[in-house]
PDB file of all heavy atoms in Angstrom:
ATOM      1  N   ARG A   1      79.850  95.541  87.378  1.00  0.00           N
ATOM      2  CA  ARG A   1      78.814  96.267  88.245  1.00  0.00           C
ATOM      3  C   ARG A   1      79.310  96.849  89.553  1.00  0.00           C
ATOM      4  O   ARG A   1      78.540  97.096  90.396  1.00  0.00           O
ATOM      5  CB  ARG A   1      77.663  95.303  88.531  1.00  0.00           C
ATOM      6  CG  ARG A   1      76.976  94.829  87.246  1.00  0.00           C
ATOM      7  CD  ARG A   1      75.629  94.074  87.411  1.00  0.00           C
ATOM      8  NE  ARG A   1      74.668  95.083  87.825  1.00  0.00           N
ATOM      9  CZ  ARG A   1      73.929  95.792  86.973  1.00  0.00           C
ATOM     10  NH1 ARG A   1      74.074  95.547  85.643  1.00  0.00           N
ATOM     11  NH2 ARG A   1      73.035  96.649  87.340  1.00  0.00           N
ATOM     12  N   LYS A   2      80.651  97.093  89.623  1.00  0.00           N
ATOM     13  CA  LYS A   2      81.263  97.706  90.710  1.00  0.00           C
ATOM     14  C   LYS A   2      81.881  99.051  90.263  1.00  0.00           C
ATOM     15  O   LYS A   2      82.102  99.252  89.050  1.00  0.00           O
ATOM     16  CB  LYS A   2      82.297  96.864  91.337  1.00  0.00           C
ATOM     17  CG  LYS A   2      81.726  95.589  92.047  1.00  0.00           C
ATOM     18  CD  LYS A   2      82.705  94.961  93.012  1.00  0.00           C
ATOM     19  CE  LYS A   2      82.031  93.868  93.810  1.00  0.00           C
ATOM     20  NZ  LYS A   2      81.816  92.683  93.037  1.00  0.00           N
ATOM     21  N   VAL A   3      82.237  99.872  91.297  1.00  0.00           N
ATOM     22  CA  VAL A   3      82.879 101.255  90.925  1.00  0.00           C
ATOM     23  C   VAL A   3      83.907 101.417  91.959  1.00  0.00           C
ATOM     24  O   VAL A   3      83.913 100.956  93.071  1.00  0.00           O
ATOM     25  CB  VAL A   3      81.876 102.408  91.006  1.00  0.00           C
ATOM     26  CG1 VAL A   3      80.725 102.156  90.015  1.00  0.00           C
ATOM     27  CG2 VAL A   3      81.335 102.595  92.381  1.00  0.00           C
ATOM     28  N   PHE A   4      84.918 102.311  91.577  1.00  0.00           N
ATOM     29  CA  PHE A   4      85.894 102.884  92.578  1.00  0.00           C
ATOM     30  C   PHE A   4      85.230 104.177  93.070  1.00  0.00           C
ATOM     31  O   PHE A   4      84.891 105.058  92.207  1.00  0.00           O
ATOM     32  CB  PHE A   4      87.162 103.241  91.959  1.00  0.00           C
ATOM     33  CG  PHE A   4      88.067 102.068  91.632  1.00  0.00           C
ATOM     34  CD1 PHE A   4      88.596 101.891  90.336  1.00  0.00           C
ATOM     35  CD2 PHE A   4      88.385 101.045  92.483  1.00  0.00           C
ATOM     36  CE1 PHE A   4      89.385 100.851  90.005  1.00  0.00           C
ATOM     37  CE2 PHE A   4      89.145  99.944  92.225  1.00  0.00           C
ATOM     38  CZ  PHE A   4      89.688  99.852  91.000  1.00  0.00           C
ATOM     39  N   VAL A   5      85.059 104.365  94.379  1.00  0.00           N
ATOM     40  CA  VAL A   5      84.584 105.627  94.897  1.00  0.00           C
ATOM     41  C   VAL A   5      85.835 106.405  95.445  1.00  0.00           C
ATOM     42  O   VAL A   5      86.388 105.902  96.451  1.00  0.00           O
ATOM     43  CB  VAL A   5      83.505 105.493  95.951  1.00  0.00           C
ATOM     44  CG1 VAL A   5      82.999 106.812  96.514  1.00  0.00           C
ATOM     45  CG2 VAL A   5      82.346 104.605  95.467  1.00  0.00           C
ATOM     46  N   PHE A   6      86.145 107.511  94.875  1.00  0.00           N
ATOM     47  CA  PHE A   6      87.171 108.411  95.372  1.00  0.00           C
ATOM     48  C   PHE A   6      86.464 109.424  96.377  1.00  0.00           C
ATOM     49  O   PHE A   6      85.706 110.296  95.853  1.00  0.00           O
ATOM     50  CB  PHE A   6      87.812 109.165  94.274  1.00  0.00           C
ATOM     51  CG  PHE A   6      88.624 108.234  93.325  1.00  0.00           C
ATOM     52  CD1 PHE A   6      87.992 107.463  92.399  1.00  0.00           C
ATOM     53  CD2 PHE A   6      90.011 108.272  93.429  1.00  0.00           C
ATOM     54  CE1 PHE A   6      88.759 106.647  91.552  1.00  0.00           C
ATOM     55  CE2 PHE A   6      90.761 107.340  92.609  1.00  0.00           C
ATOM     56  CZ  PHE A   6      90.151 106.558  91.653  1.00  0.00           C
ATOM     57  N   ARG A   7      86.540 109.231  97.608  1.00  0.00           N
ATOM     58  CA  ARG A   7      85.631 109.897  98.563  1.00  0.00           C
ATOM     59  C   ARG A   7      85.959 111.367  98.823  1.00  0.00           C
ATOM     60  O   ARG A   7      85.059 112.160  99.216  1.00  0.00           O
ATOM     61  CB  ARG A   7      85.596 109.207  99.847  1.00  0.00           C
ATOM     62  CG  ARG A   7      85.193 107.688  99.781  1.00  0.00           C
ATOM     63  CD  ARG A   7      84.879 107.080 101.076  1.00  0.00           C
ATOM     64  NE  ARG A   7      85.807 107.586 102.154  1.00  0.00           N
ATOM     65  CZ  ARG A   7      85.587 107.390 103.456  1.00  0.00           C
ATOM     66  NH1 ARG A   7      84.492 106.847 103.852  1.00  0.00           N
ATOM     67  NH2 ARG A   7      86.523 107.823 104.305  1.00  0.00           N
ATOM     68  N   ASN A   8      87.206 111.752  98.811  1.00  0.00           N
ATOM     69  CA  ASN A   8      87.598 113.087  99.227  1.00  0.00           C
ATOM     70  C   ASN A   8      87.815 114.071  98.075  1.00  0.00           C
ATOM     71  O   ASN A   8      88.120 113.651  96.987  1.00  0.00           O
ATOM     72  CB  ASN A   8      88.939 112.935 100.040  1.00  0.00           C
ATOM     73  CG  ASN A   8      88.810 112.053 101.281  1.00  0.00           C
ATOM     74  OD1 ASN A   8      87.681 111.911 101.791  1.00  0.00           O
ATOM     75  ND2 ASN A   8      89.909 111.448 101.706  1.00  0.00           N
ATOM     76  N   ASP A   9      87.562 115.346  98.465  1.00  0.00           N
ATOM     77  CA  ASP A   9      87.860 116.399  97.509  1.00  0.00           C
ATOM     78  C   ASP A   9      88.521 117.564  98.257  1.00  0.00           C
ATOM     79  O   ASP A   9      87.894 118.119  99.147  1.00  0.00           O
ATOM     80  CB  ASP A   9      86.557 116.830  96.804  1.00  0.00           C
ATOM     81  CG  ASP A   9      86.768 118.044  95.929  1.00  0.00           C
ATOM     82  OD1 ASP A   9      87.861 118.297  95.528  1.00  0.00           O
ATOM     83  OD2 ASP A   9      85.806 118.783  95.694  1.00  0.00           O
ATOM     84  N   PRO A  10      89.736 117.965  97.892  1.00  0.00           N
ATOM     85  CA  PRO A  10      90.619 117.344  96.956  1.00  0.00           C
ATOM     86  C   PRO A  10      91.167 116.108  97.682  1.00  0.00           C
ATOM     87  O   PRO A  10      90.976 115.878  98.820  1.00  0.00           O
ATOM     88  CB  PRO A  10      91.804 118.399  96.788  1.00  0.00           C
ATOM     89  CG  PRO A  10      91.798 119.195  98.027  1.00  0.00           C
ATOM     90  CD  PRO A  10      90.284 119.288  98.493  1.00  0.00           C
ATOM     91  N   SER A  11      91.859 115.244  96.847  1.00  0.00           N
ATOM     92  CA  SER A  11      92.213 113.956  97.324  1.00  0.00           C
ATOM     93  C   SER A  11      93.590 113.628  97.017  1.00  0.00           C
ATOM     94  O   SER A  11      94.145 114.096  95.921  1.00  0.00           O
ATOM     95  CB  SER A  11      91.259 113.002  96.595  1.00  0.00           C
ATOM     96  OG  SER A  11      91.696 111.665  96.771  1.00  0.00           O
ATOM     97  N   ASP A  12      94.271 112.861  97.802  1.00  0.00           N
ATOM     98  CA  ASP A  12      95.694 112.366  97.494  1.00  0.00           C
ATOM     99  C   ASP A  12      95.643 110.868  97.104  1.00  0.00           C
ATOM    100  O   ASP A  12      96.646 110.220  96.984  1.00  0.00           O
ATOM    101  CB  ASP A  12      96.559 112.671  98.719  1.00  0.00           C
ATOM    102  CG  ASP A  12      96.195 111.940  99.971  1.00  0.00           C
ATOM    103  OD1 ASP A  12      95.046 111.243  99.896  1.00  0.00           O
ATOM    104  OD2 ASP A  12      96.791 112.111 100.983  1.00  0.00           O
ATOM    105  N   ALA A  13      94.375 110.358  96.949  1.00  0.00           N
ATOM    106  CA  ALA A  13      94.172 108.894  96.705  1.00  0.00           C
ATOM    107  C   ALA A  13      94.327 108.596  95.144  1.00  0.00           C
ATOM    108  O   ALA A  13      94.064 109.487  94.346  1.00  0.00           O
ATOM    109  CB  ALA A  13      92.889 108.439  97.210  1.00  0.00           C
ATOM    110  N   TYR A  14      94.659 107.371  94.864  1.00  0.00           N
ATOM    111  CA  TYR A  14      94.683 107.018  93.476  1.00  0.00           C
ATOM    112  C   TYR A  14      94.719 105.460  93.423  1.00  0.00           C
ATOM    113  O   TYR A  14      94.768 104.809  94.424  1.00  0.00           O
ATOM    114  CB  TYR A  14      95.895 107.597  92.732  1.00  0.00           C
ATOM    115  CG  TYR A  14      97.294 107.208  93.320  1.00  0.00           C
ATOM    116  CD1 TYR A  14      98.071 106.162  92.782  1.00  0.00           C
ATOM    117  CD2 TYR A  14      97.773 107.847  94.466  1.00  0.00           C
ATOM    118  CE1 TYR A  14      99.301 105.829  93.320  1.00  0.00           C
ATOM    119  CE2 TYR A  14      99.030 107.559  94.998  1.00  0.00           C
ATOM    120  CZ  TYR A  14      99.721 106.531  94.387  1.00  0.00           C
ATOM    121  OH  TYR A  14     101.023 106.218  94.937  1.00  0.00           O
ATOM    122  N   VAL A  15      94.489 104.918  92.243  1.00  0.00           N
ATOM    123  CA  VAL A  15      94.475 103.495  91.958  1.00  0.00           C
ATOM    124  C   VAL A  15      95.657 103.217  90.900  1.00  0.00           C
ATOM    125  O   VAL A  15      95.594 103.858  89.881  1.00  0.00           O
ATOM    126  CB  VAL A  15      93.124 103.014  91.499  1.00  0.00           C
ATOM    127  CG1 VAL A  15      93.199 101.489  91.189  1.00  0.00           C
ATOM    128  CG2 VAL A  15      92.030 103.345  92.509  1.00  0.00           C
ATOM    129  N   VAL A  16      96.476 102.254  91.227  1.00  0.00           N
ATOM    130  CA  VAL A  16      97.519 101.819  90.270  1.00  0.00           C
ATOM    131  C   VAL A  16      96.994 100.678  89.435  1.00  0.00           C
ATOM    132  O   VAL A  16      96.539  99.666  90.051  1.00  0.00           O
ATOM    133  CB  VAL A  16      98.806 101.455  90.985  1.00  0.00           C
ATOM    134  CG1 VAL A  16      99.921 101.139  90.040  1.00  0.00           C
ATOM    135  CG2 VAL A  16      99.268 102.629  91.960  1.00  0.00           C
ATOM    136  N   LEU A  17      97.181 100.732  88.210  1.00  0.00           N
ATOM    137  CA  LEU A  17      96.686  99.625  87.360  1.00  0.00           C
ATOM    138  C   LEU A  17      97.928  98.939  86.732  1.00  0.00           C
ATOM    139  O   LEU A  17      98.876  99.574  86.366  1.00  0.00           O
ATOM    140  CB  LEU A  17      95.805 100.096  86.233  1.00  0.00           C
ATOM    141  CG  LEU A  17      94.590 100.871  86.611  1.00  0.00           C
ATOM    142  CD1 LEU A  17      93.788 101.292  85.374  1.00  0.00           C
ATOM    143  CD2 LEU A  17      93.657 100.088  87.600  1.00  0.00           C
ATOM    144  N   SER A  18      97.914  97.628  86.694  1.00  0.00           N
ATOM    145  CA  SER A  18      99.008  96.849  86.019  1.00  0.00           C
ATOM    146  C   SER A  18      98.542  96.340  84.691  1.00  0.00           C
ATOM    147  O   SER A  18      97.483  95.672  84.585  1.00  0.00           O
ATOM    148  CB  SER A  18      99.480  95.639  86.941  1.00  0.00           C
ATOM    149  OG  SER A  18      99.562  96.000  88.209  1.00  0.00           O
ATOM    150  N   ALA A  19      99.337  96.615  83.660  1.00  0.00           N
ATOM    151  CA  ALA A  19      99.026  96.090  82.254  1.00  0.00           C
ATOM    152  C   ALA A  19     100.178  95.294  81.756  1.00  0.00           C
ATOM    153  O   ALA A  19     101.320  95.608  82.024  1.00  0.00           O
ATOM    154  CB  ALA A  19      98.776  97.325  81.437  1.00  0.00           C
ATOM    155  N   LYS A  20      99.761  94.322  80.932  1.00  0.00           N
ATOM    156  CA  LYS A  20     100.842  93.494  80.330  1.00  0.00           C
ATOM    157  C   LYS A  20     101.094  94.082  78.941  1.00  0.00           C
ATOM    158  O   LYS A  20     100.351  93.852  77.952  1.00  0.00           O
ATOM    159  CB  LYS A  20     100.335  92.032  80.230  1.00  0.00           C
ATOM    160  CG  LYS A  20      99.826  91.401  81.426  1.00  0.00           C
ATOM    161  CD  LYS A  20     100.790  90.606  82.159  1.00  0.00           C
ATOM    162  CE  LYS A  20     100.221  89.874  83.367  1.00  0.00           C
ATOM    163  NZ  LYS A  20      99.661  90.832  84.432  1.00  0.00           N
ATOM    164  N   LEU A  21     102.104  94.986  78.849  1.00  0.00           N
ATOM    165  CA  LEU A  21     102.439  95.507  77.601  1.00  0.00           C
ATOM    166  C   LEU A  21     103.700  94.898  77.006  1.00  0.00           C
ATOM    167  O   LEU A  21     104.787  95.031  77.596  1.00  0.00           O
ATOM    168  CB  LEU A  21     102.671  97.070  77.749  1.00  0.00           C
ATOM    169  CG  LEU A  21     101.416  97.915  77.602  1.00  0.00           C
ATOM    170  CD1 LEU A  21     101.688  99.289  78.149  1.00  0.00           C
ATOM    171  CD2 LEU A  21     101.003  97.994  76.203  1.00  0.00           C
ATOM    172  N   GLU A  22     103.537  94.194  75.877  1.00  0.00           N
ATOM    173  CA  GLU A  22     104.755  93.523  75.319  1.00  0.00           C
ATOM    174  C   GLU A  22     105.596  94.501  74.556  1.00  0.00           C
ATOM    175  O   GLU A  22     106.814  94.366  74.566  1.00  0.00           O
ATOM    176  CB  GLU A  22     104.226  92.430  74.284  1.00  0.00           C
ATOM    177  CG  GLU A  22     103.178  91.522  74.860  1.00  0.00           C
ATOM    178  CD  GLU A  22     103.581  90.660  76.013  1.00  0.00           C
ATOM    179  OE1 GLU A  22     104.690  90.116  75.924  1.00  0.00           O
ATOM    180  OE2 GLU A  22     102.891  90.590  76.950  1.00  0.00           O
ATOM    181  N   GLN A  23     104.998  95.526  73.903  1.00  0.00           N
ATOM    182  CA  GLN A  23     105.745  96.499  73.111  1.00  0.00           C
ATOM    183  C   GLN A  23     105.085  97.845  73.092  1.00  0.00           C
ATOM    184  O   GLN A  23     103.983  97.959  73.490  1.00  0.00           O
ATOM    185  CB  GLN A  23     105.846  95.896  71.698  1.00  0.00           C
ATOM    186  CG  GLN A  23     104.498  95.753  70.982  1.00  0.00           C
ATOM    187  CD  GLN A  23     104.412  94.528  70.232  1.00  0.00           C
ATOM    188  OE1 GLN A  23     105.176  93.488  70.414  1.00  0.00           O
ATOM    189  NE2 GLN A  23     103.637  94.475  69.149  1.00  0.00           N
ATOM    190  N   PRO A  24     105.878  98.853  72.653  1.00  0.00           N
ATOM    191  CA  PRO A  24     105.236 100.240  72.515  1.00  0.00           C
ATOM    192  C   PRO A  24     104.031 100.271  71.644  1.00  0.00           C
ATOM    193  O   PRO A  24     103.788  99.311  70.854  1.00  0.00           O
ATOM    194  CB  PRO A  24     106.389 101.051  71.856  1.00  0.00           C
ATOM    195  CG  PRO A  24     107.590 100.262  72.159  1.00  0.00           C
ATOM    196  CD  PRO A  24     107.272  98.788  72.231  1.00  0.00           C
ATOM    197  N   LEU A  25     103.196 101.159  71.895  1.00  0.00           N
ATOM    198  CA  LEU A  25     101.849 101.268  71.225  1.00  0.00           C
ATOM    199  C   LEU A  25     101.907 102.255  70.042  1.00  0.00           C
ATOM    200  O   LEU A  25     102.207 103.370  70.104  1.00  0.00           O
ATOM    201  CB  LEU A  25     100.755 101.795  72.227  1.00  0.00           C
ATOM    202  CG  LEU A  25     100.527 100.952  73.530  1.00  0.00           C
ATOM    203  CD1 LEU A  25      99.635 101.729  74.387  1.00  0.00           C
ATOM    204  CD2 LEU A  25      99.868  99.657  73.086  1.00  0.00           C
ATOM    205  N   GLN A  26     101.447 101.706  68.887  1.00  0.00           N
ATOM    206  CA  GLN A  26     101.319 102.479  67.626  1.00  0.00           C
ATOM    207  C   GLN A  26      99.781 102.913  67.586  1.00  0.00           C
ATOM    208  O   GLN A  26      99.515 103.798  66.846  1.00  0.00           O
ATOM    209  CB  GLN A  26     101.613 101.719  66.399  1.00  0.00           C
ATOM    210  CG  GLN A  26     103.094 101.168  66.398  1.00  0.00           C
ATOM    211  CD  GLN A  26     104.047 102.246  66.121  1.00  0.00           C
ATOM    212  OE1 GLN A  26     103.742 103.363  65.709  1.00  0.00           O
ATOM    213  NE2 GLN A  26     105.378 102.029  66.362  1.00  0.00           N
ATOM    214  N   ASN A  27      98.876 102.180  68.267  1.00  0.00           N
ATOM    215  CA  ASN A  27      97.476 102.459  68.256  1.00  0.00           C
ATOM    216  C   ASN A  27      96.978 102.066  69.627  1.00  0.00           C
ATOM    217  O   ASN A  27      97.501 101.218  70.238  1.00  0.00           O
ATOM    218  CB  ASN A  27      96.759 101.616  67.233  1.00  0.00           C
ATOM    219  CG  ASN A  27      97.364 101.582  65.828  1.00  0.00           C
ATOM    220  OD1 ASN A  27      97.120 102.603  65.113  1.00  0.00           O
ATOM    221  ND2 ASN A  27      98.095 100.585  65.479  1.00  0.00           N
ATOM    222  N   PHE A  28      95.932 102.803  70.036  1.00  0.00           N
ATOM    223  CA  PHE A  28      95.338 102.400  71.316  1.00  0.00           C
ATOM    224  C   PHE A  28      93.942 102.997  71.445  1.00  0.00           C
ATOM    225  O   PHE A  28      93.612 103.955  70.789  1.00  0.00           O
ATOM    226  CB  PHE A  28      96.202 102.806  72.582  1.00  0.00           C
ATOM    227  CG  PHE A  28      96.245 104.281  72.793  1.00  0.00           C
ATOM    228  CD1 PHE A  28      95.276 104.938  73.485  1.00  0.00           C
ATOM    229  CD2 PHE A  28      97.336 105.043  72.349  1.00  0.00           C
ATOM    230  CE1 PHE A  28      95.290 106.302  73.685  1.00  0.00           C
ATOM    231  CE2 PHE A  28      97.357 106.390  72.550  1.00  0.00           C
ATOM    232  CZ  PHE A  28      96.322 107.074  73.222  1.00  0.00           C
ATOM    233  N   THR A  29      93.170 102.432  72.316  1.00  0.00           N
ATOM    234  CA  THR A  29      91.865 102.982  72.693  1.00  0.00           C
ATOM    235  C   THR A  29      91.740 102.866  74.192  1.00  0.00           C
ATOM    236  O   THR A  29      92.038 101.835  74.778  1.00  0.00           O
ATOM    237  CB  THR A  29      90.680 102.183  72.076  1.00  0.00           C
ATOM    238  OG1 THR A  29      90.762 102.191  70.719  1.00  0.00           O
ATOM    239  CG2 THR A  29      89.357 102.894  72.394  1.00  0.00           C
ATOM    240  N   VAL A  30      91.393 103.926  74.864  1.00  0.00           N
ATOM    241  CA  VAL A  30      91.073 103.878  76.323  1.00  0.00           C
ATOM    242  C   VAL A  30      89.624 104.283  76.531  1.00  0.00           C
ATOM    243  O   VAL A  30      89.176 105.277  75.862  1.00  0.00           O
ATOM    244  CB  VAL A  30      92.057 104.848  77.079  1.00  0.00           C
ATOM    245  CG1 VAL A  30      92.003 106.278  76.635  1.00  0.00           C
ATOM    246  CG2 VAL A  30      91.833 104.743  78.611  1.00  0.00           C
TER     247      VAL A  30
END
């Protein structure tokens, strides 16, 4: 129930996400 608000336009902001990837992907869904 929370959101990231990117306030500026245009913007130099971003969010880095860390994922635990054991191996390359043959299939995925985002």
